[in-house]
Amino acid sequence: MATTNQPTREVLTRTEAAEYLRVGKSTLDRLAIPKMQIRRRVLFRKDAIDKWLLSQQIKTTTGAKA
């Protein structure tokens, strides 16, 4: 198992979440990913992003015709 130098973070900033998903911040803002706001900071739980990604994959593959 490969290890990285960066620690795994449970909560991501808006910038980190956009980088994790490889999308721009404006695209991230339009996605229906659960987020929390503390004062001016918008934060995303990494497990919520992963769960959202999985739900999108299921929607895409179930609706596809072979």
N, C-alpha and C. Protein backbone atom coordinates (compact mmCIF):
# COMPACT_ATOMS: atom_id res chain seq x y z
N MET A 1 0.84 -1.18 0.00
CA MET A 1 0.00 0.00 0.00
C MET A 1 0.88 1.24 0.00
N ALA A 2 0.65 2.12 -0.94
CA ALA A 2 1.45 3.34 -1.05
C ALA A 2 0.98 4.37 -0.03
N THR A 3 1.93 5.10 0.51
CA THR A 3 1.59 6.16 1.45
C THR A 3 1.96 7.50 0.83
N THR A 4 1.27 8.53 1.25
CA THR A 4 1.57 9.87 0.76
C THR A 4 2.09 10.71 1.91
N ASN A 5 2.70 11.82 1.57
CA ASN A 5 3.22 12.72 2.59
C ASN A 5 2.14 13.60 3.18
N GLN A 6 1.00 13.73 2.49
CA GLN A 6 -0.07 14.58 2.99
C GLN A 6 -1.01 13.78 3.89
N PRO A 7 -1.38 14.37 5.03
CA PRO A 7 -2.34 13.68 5.90
C PRO A 7 -3.74 13.67 5.26
N THR A 8 -4.51 12.65 5.57
CA THR A 8 -5.88 12.59 5.08
C THR A 8 -6.72 13.56 5.90
N ARG A 9 -7.48 14.40 5.21
CA ARG A 9 -8.31 15.40 5.90
C ARG A 9 -9.75 14.98 5.79
N GLU A 10 -10.47 15.11 6.87
CA GLU A 10 -11.89 14.76 6.89
C GLU A 10 -12.76 15.91 6.39
N VAL A 11 -12.30 17.15 6.60
CA VAL A 11 -13.05 18.33 6.20
C VAL A 11 -12.19 19.12 5.22
N LEU A 12 -12.80 19.47 4.07
CA LEU A 12 -12.07 20.18 3.03
C LEU A 12 -12.63 21.58 2.84
N THR A 13 -11.75 22.50 2.52
CA THR A 13 -12.20 23.85 2.17
C THR A 13 -12.80 23.79 0.77
N ARG A 14 -13.38 24.88 0.34
CA ARG A 14 -13.98 24.97 -1.00
C ARG A 14 -12.91 24.71 -2.06
N THR A 15 -11.74 25.29 -1.89
CA THR A 15 -10.65 25.11 -2.84
C THR A 15 -10.19 23.65 -2.86
N GLU A 16 -10.02 23.05 -1.69
CA GLU A 16 -9.58 21.66 -1.61
C GLU A 16 -10.61 20.71 -2.21
N ALA A 17 -11.89 20.98 -1.95
CA ALA A 17 -12.96 20.15 -2.50
C ALA A 17 -12.98 20.23 -4.02
N ALA A 18 -12.81 21.42 -4.56
CA ALA A 18 -12.77 21.59 -6.01
C ALA A 18 -11.57 20.83 -6.61
N GLU A 19 -10.44 20.91 -5.95
CA GLU A 19 -9.25 20.18 -6.42
C GLU A 19 -9.48 18.67 -6.33
N TYR A 20 -10.10 18.22 -5.25
CA TYR A 20 -10.37 16.79 -5.05
C TYR A 20 -11.26 16.25 -6.17
N LEU A 21 -12.26 17.04 -6.57
CA LEU A 21 -13.17 16.63 -7.64
C LEU A 21 -12.66 16.99 -9.03
N ARG A 22 -11.58 17.77 -9.08
CA ARG A 22 -11.00 18.23 -10.34
C ARG A 22 -11.99 19.06 -11.15
N VAL A 23 -12.66 19.97 -10.45
CA VAL A 23 -13.59 20.90 -11.09
C VAL A 23 -13.28 22.31 -10.57
N GLY A 24 -13.80 23.30 -11.25
CA GLY A 24 -13.64 24.67 -10.81
C GLY A 24 -14.54 24.97 -9.61
N LYS A 25 -14.23 26.03 -8.91
CA LYS A 25 -15.03 26.40 -7.74
C LYS A 25 -16.46 26.76 -8.12
N SER A 26 -16.66 27.41 -9.26
CA SER A 26 -18.02 27.77 -9.67
C SER A 26 -18.84 26.52 -10.00
N THR A 27 -18.19 25.51 -10.58
CA THR A 27 -18.87 24.23 -10.84
C THR A 27 -19.22 23.56 -9.51
N LEU A 28 -18.29 23.56 -8.58
CA LEU A 28 -18.52 22.98 -7.26
C LEU A 28 -19.73 23.62 -6.59
N ASP A 29 -19.87 24.92 -6.72
CA ASP A 29 -20.98 25.65 -6.10
C ASP A 29 -22.34 25.19 -6.65
N ARG A 30 -22.37 24.75 -7.90
CA ARG A 30 -23.63 24.33 -8.52
C ARG A 30 -24.00 22.88 -8.20
N LEU A 31 -23.05 22.10 -7.71
CA LEU A 31 -23.32 20.69 -7.41
C LEU A 31 -24.09 20.57 -6.10
N ALA A 32 -24.91 19.54 -6.02
CA ALA A 32 -25.76 19.35 -4.83
C ALA A 32 -25.03 18.53 -3.76
N ILE A 33 -23.82 18.93 -3.45
CA ILE A 33 -23.03 18.25 -2.42
C ILE A 33 -23.31 18.93 -1.09
N PRO A 34 -23.64 18.16 -0.05
CA PRO A 34 -23.86 18.78 1.26
C PRO A 34 -22.62 19.55 1.72
N LYS A 35 -22.87 20.72 2.25
CA LYS A 35 -21.76 21.55 2.74
C LYS A 35 -22.20 22.25 4.01
N MET A 36 -21.23 22.80 4.72
CA MET A 36 -21.54 23.56 5.92
C MET A 36 -20.81 24.89 5.83
N GLN A 37 -21.39 25.88 6.45
CA GLN A 37 -20.77 27.19 6.44
C GLN A 37 -20.53 27.64 7.87
N ILE A 38 -19.31 28.01 8.14
CA ILE A 38 -18.93 28.54 9.44
C ILE A 38 -18.39 29.94 9.17
N ARG A 39 -19.20 30.91 9.57
CA ARG A 39 -18.95 32.32 9.24
C ARG A 39 -18.86 32.44 7.72
N ARG A 40 -17.74 32.83 7.18
CA ARG A 40 -17.62 32.99 5.72
C ARG A 40 -17.03 31.75 5.04
N ARG A 41 -16.56 30.80 5.82
CA ARG A 41 -15.91 29.61 5.25
C ARG A 41 -16.93 28.55 4.89
N VAL A 42 -16.84 28.03 3.68
CA VAL A 42 -17.67 26.92 3.24
C VAL A 42 -16.80 25.68 3.30
N LEU A 43 -17.29 24.66 4.00
CA LEU A 43 -16.52 23.43 4.20
C LEU A 43 -17.31 22.22 3.72
N PHE A 44 -16.58 21.21 3.28
CA PHE A 44 -17.17 19.97 2.78
C PHE A 44 -16.56 18.80 3.53
N ARG A 45 -17.40 17.87 3.96
CA ARG A 45 -16.88 16.64 4.55
C ARG A 45 -16.47 15.72 3.41
N LYS A 46 -15.27 15.17 3.49
CA LYS A 46 -14.76 14.31 2.43
C LYS A 46 -15.67 13.10 2.23
N ASP A 47 -16.18 12.53 3.31
CA ASP A 47 -17.06 11.37 3.16
C ASP A 47 -18.38 11.74 2.48
N ALA A 48 -18.85 12.98 2.65
CA ALA A 48 -20.07 13.43 1.96
C ALA A 48 -19.81 13.58 0.46
N ILE A 49 -18.61 14.05 0.11
CA ILE A 49 -18.26 14.15 -1.31
C ILE A 49 -18.19 12.76 -1.93
N ASP A 50 -17.54 11.83 -1.22
CA ASP A 50 -17.43 10.46 -1.74
C ASP A 50 -18.80 9.80 -1.89
N LYS A 51 -19.68 10.03 -0.93
CA LYS A 51 -21.04 9.48 -0.99
C LYS A 51 -21.81 10.09 -2.16
N TRP A 52 -21.66 11.40 -2.38
CA TRP A 52 -22.31 12.06 -3.50
C TRP A 52 -21.79 11.51 -4.83
N LEU A 53 -20.47 11.31 -4.91
CA LEU A 53 -19.89 10.74 -6.14
C LEU A 53 -20.47 9.37 -6.44
N LEU A 54 -20.58 8.54 -5.42
CA LEU A 54 -21.14 7.20 -5.60
C LEU A 54 -22.59 7.28 -6.06
N SER A 55 -23.37 8.19 -5.50
CA SER A 55 -24.77 8.32 -5.91
C SER A 55 -24.87 8.79 -7.36
N GLN A 56 -23.95 9.60 -7.82
CA GLN A 56 -23.94 10.05 -9.21
C GLN A 56 -23.58 8.91 -10.15
N GLN A 57 -22.67 8.07 -9.71
CA GLN A 57 -22.27 6.92 -10.52
C GLN A 57 -23.43 5.96 -10.70
N ILE A 58 -24.18 5.72 -9.65
CA ILE A 58 -25.31 4.81 -9.71
C ILE A 58 -26.38 5.37 -10.64
N LYS A 59 -26.66 6.68 -10.55
CA LYS A 59 -27.65 7.31 -11.42
C LYS A 59 -27.24 7.18 -12.89
N THR A 60 -25.97 7.36 -13.16
CA THR A 60 -25.47 7.32 -14.53
C THR A 60 -25.52 5.90 -15.09
N THR A 61 -25.09 4.93 -14.31
CA THR A 61 -25.02 3.57 -14.84
C THR A 61 -26.39 2.91 -14.92
N THR A 62 -27.31 3.27 -14.04
CA THR A 62 -28.65 2.64 -14.09
C THR A 62 -29.47 3.17 -15.27
N GLY A 63 -29.25 4.41 -15.64
CA GLY A 63 -30.01 4.98 -16.73
C GLY A 63 -29.44 4.69 -18.11
N ALA A 64 -28.24 4.13 -18.16
CA ALA A 64 -27.59 3.88 -19.45
C ALA A 64 -28.16 2.63 -20.11
N LYS A 65 -28.29 2.68 -21.43
CA LYS A 65 -28.74 1.53 -22.20
C LYS A 65 -27.54 0.90 -22.89
N ALA A 66 -27.53 -0.40 -22.94
CA ALA A 66 -26.41 -1.11 -23.57
C ALA A 66 -26.62 -1.26 -25.06
